[in-house]
Amino acid sequence: MKINVEHIQSEQTFKVNVTGDEAELTYSRPEKDLVDFEHTFVPEPMRGQGIAEEMARHALDFARQEKLRVLTSCRFMAGFVKRHHADYADLLA
């Protein structure tokens, strides 16, 4: 299944919609060069399909592209970065 992640900057959210269900990863920008990934939610029917991981990759790619330092207040994002430390350690604040 191809996962289409939509970044809605005005809402500080990455979203995935599948048949009426919506997963999201929200963030804040506490400082100009800092992004804090705060919350990840995937509805029960969408779980186990790699949706949260795909949103995490998009979010971290966004941070890298914008040259932002990263905080991971969200427990899922903290775990994701820890599991993929070699790929994302350079982004951590």
C-alpha atoms as a PDB file:
ATOM      1  CA  MET A   1       0.000   0.000   0.000  1.00  0.00           C
ATOM      2  CA  LYS A   2       1.316   3.424  -0.961  1.00  0.00           C
ATOM      3  CA  ILE A   3       1.045   5.841   1.944  1.00  0.00           C
ATOM      4  CA  ASN A   4       0.369   9.454   0.969  1.00  0.00           C
ATOM      5  CA  VAL A   5       1.540  11.819   3.711  1.00  0.00           C
ATOM      6  CA  GLU A   6       0.214  15.364   3.510  1.00  0.00           C
ATOM      7  CA  HIS A   7       2.076  18.151   5.322  1.00  0.00           C
ATOM      8  CA  ILE A   8      -0.240  20.980   6.361  1.00  0.00           C
ATOM      9  CA  GLN A   9       2.152  23.640   7.616  1.00  0.00           C
ATOM     10  CA  SER A  10      -0.610  26.038   8.672  1.00  0.00           C
ATOM     11  CA  GLU A  11      -1.848  23.336  11.102  1.00  0.00           C
ATOM     12  CA  GLN A  12       1.664  22.072  11.968  1.00  0.00           C
ATOM     13  CA  THR A  13       0.531  18.568  11.114  1.00  0.00           C
ATOM     14  CA  PHE A  14       1.434  15.629   8.904  1.00  0.00           C
ATOM     15  CA  LYS A  15      -1.679  13.631   7.952  1.00  0.00           C
ATOM     16  CA  VAL A  16      -2.619  10.394   6.228  1.00  0.00           C
ATOM     17  CA  ASN A  17      -6.218   9.761   5.177  1.00  0.00           C
ATOM     18  CA  VAL A  18      -7.428   6.248   4.388  1.00  0.00           C
ATOM     19  CA  THR A  19     -11.109   5.612   3.692  1.00  0.00           C
ATOM     20  CA  GLY A  20     -12.345   8.305   6.042  1.00  0.00           C
ATOM     21  CA  ASP A  21      -9.898   7.593   8.869  1.00  0.00           C
ATOM     22  CA  GLU A  22      -7.146  10.104   9.581  1.00  0.00           C
ATOM     23  CA  ALA A  23      -3.755   9.587  11.188  1.00  0.00           C
ATOM     24  CA  GLU A  24      -1.706  12.576  12.287  1.00  0.00           C
ATOM     25  CA  LEU A  25       1.637  13.667  13.614  1.00  0.00           C
ATOM     26  CA  THR A  26       1.571  17.133  15.168  1.00  0.00           C
ATOM     27  CA  TYR A  27       4.414  19.484  15.933  1.00  0.00           C
ATOM     28  CA  SER A  28       5.188  22.936  17.252  1.00  0.00           C
ATOM     29  CA  ARG A  29       7.921  25.440  16.480  1.00  0.00           C
ATOM     30  CA  PRO A  30       9.053  26.708  19.925  1.00  0.00           C
ATOM     31  CA  GLU A  31      11.992  28.531  18.308  1.00  0.00           C
ATOM     32  CA  LYS A  32      12.784  29.634  14.782  1.00  0.00           C
ATOM     33  CA  ASP A  33      15.275  26.814  14.179  1.00  0.00           C
ATOM     34  CA  LEU A  34      13.575  24.183  16.353  1.00  0.00           C
ATOM     35  CA  VAL A  35      10.720  21.743  15.766  1.00  0.00           C
ATOM     36  CA  ASP A  36       9.128  19.647  18.505  1.00  0.00           C
ATOM     37  CA  PHE A  37       7.246  16.548  17.351  1.00  0.00           C
ATOM     38  CA  GLU A  38       4.557  16.395  20.019  1.00  0.00           C
ATOM     39  CA  HIS A  39       1.942  13.772  19.200  1.00  0.00           C
ATOM     40  CA  THR A  40       1.314  10.849  16.852  1.00  0.00           C
ATOM     41  CA  PHE A  41      -2.071   9.200  16.461  1.00  0.00           C
ATOM     42  CA  VAL A  42      -3.121   6.375  14.157  1.00  0.00           C
ATOM     43  CA  PRO A  43      -6.738   5.128  14.370  1.00  0.00           C
ATOM     44  CA  GLU A  44      -7.143   1.446  15.199  1.00  0.00           C
ATOM     45  CA  PRO A  45      -8.237   0.365  11.662  1.00  0.00           C
ATOM     46  CA  MET A  46      -5.063   1.941  10.195  1.00  0.00           C
ATOM     47  CA  ARG A  47      -2.550   0.447  12.627  1.00  0.00           C
ATOM     48  CA  GLY A  48       0.062  -2.099  11.628  1.00  0.00           C
ATOM     49  CA  GLN A  49       0.476  -0.717   8.107  1.00  0.00           C
ATOM     50  CA  GLY A  50       3.566   1.453   8.639  1.00  0.00           C
ATOM     51  CA  ILE A  51       1.617   4.722   8.594  1.00  0.00           C
ATOM     52  CA  ALA A  52       3.178   6.214  11.733  1.00  0.00           C
ATOM     53  CA  GLU A  53       6.661   5.313  10.478  1.00  0.00           C
ATOM     54  CA  GLU A  54       5.998   6.947   7.117  1.00  0.00           C
ATOM     55  CA  MET A  55       4.738  10.141   8.788  1.00  0.00           C
ATOM     56  CA  ALA A  56       7.858  10.114  10.994  1.00  0.00           C
ATOM     57  CA  ARG A  57      10.144   9.857   7.971  1.00  0.00           C
ATOM     58  CA  HIS A  58       8.344  12.716   6.227  1.00  0.00           C
ATOM     59  CA  ALA A  59       8.492  14.850   9.366  1.00  0.00           C
ATOM     60  CA  LEU A  60      12.199  14.251   9.899  1.00  0.00           C
ATOM     61  CA  ASP A  61      12.931  14.850   6.217  1.00  0.00           C
ATOM     62  CA  PHE A  62      11.085  18.170   6.572  1.00  0.00           C
ATOM     63  CA  ALA A  63      13.237  19.070   9.583  1.00  0.00           C
ATOM     64  CA  ARG A  64      16.415  18.217   7.678  1.00  0.00           C
ATOM     65  CA  GLN A  65      15.346  20.149   4.590  1.00  0.00           C
ATOM     66  CA  GLU A  66      14.500  23.219   6.688  1.00  0.00           C
ATOM     67  CA  LYS A  67      17.709  22.840   8.751  1.00  0.00           C
ATOM     68  CA  LEU A  68      15.760  22.527  11.999  1.00  0.00           C
ATOM     69  CA  ARG A  69      16.920  20.991  15.256  1.00  0.00           C
ATOM     70  CA  VAL A  70      14.528  18.331  16.529  1.00  0.00           C
ATOM     71  CA  LEU A  71      12.871  17.634  19.876  1.00  0.00           C
ATOM     72  CA  THR A  72      10.766  14.497  20.317  1.00  0.00           C
ATOM     73  CA  SER A  73       8.181  15.110  23.047  1.00  0.00           C
ATOM     74  CA  CYS A  74       6.076  12.410  21.390  1.00  0.00           C
ATOM     75  CA  ARG A  75       6.934   8.979  22.788  1.00  0.00           C
ATOM     76  CA  PHE A  76       6.519   7.334  19.362  1.00  0.00           C
ATOM     77  CA  MET A  77       8.856   9.844  17.685  1.00  0.00           C
ATOM     78  CA  ALA A  78      11.442   9.461  20.455  1.00  0.00           C
ATOM     79  CA  GLY A  79      11.400   5.692  19.929  1.00  0.00           C
ATOM     80  CA  PHE A  80      11.531   6.016  16.149  1.00  0.00           C
ATOM     81  CA  VAL A  81      14.575   8.298  16.301  1.00  0.00           C
ATOM     82  CA  LYS A  82      16.232   5.945  18.792  1.00  0.00           C
ATOM     83  CA  ARG A  83      15.618   2.925  16.521  1.00  0.00           C
ATOM     84  CA  HIS A  84      16.963   4.852  13.500  1.00  0.00           C
ATOM     85  CA  HIS A  85      19.649   6.732  15.413  1.00  0.00           C
ATOM     86  CA  ALA A  86      22.251   6.519  12.636  1.00  0.00           C
ATOM     87  CA  ASP A  87      19.879   8.255  10.206  1.00  0.00           C
ATOM     88  CA  TYR A  88      18.580  11.026  12.451  1.00  0.00           C
ATOM     89  CA  ALA A  89      21.005  11.647  15.360  1.00  0.00           C
ATOM     90  CA  ASP A  90      22.399  14.720  13.607  1.00  0.00           C
ATOM     91  CA  LEU A  91      18.983  16.428  13.834  1.00  0.00           C
ATOM     92  CA  LEU A  92      18.503  16.140  17.594  1.00  0.00           C
ATOM     93  CA  ALA A  93      18.592  19.325  19.657  1.00  0.00           C
END
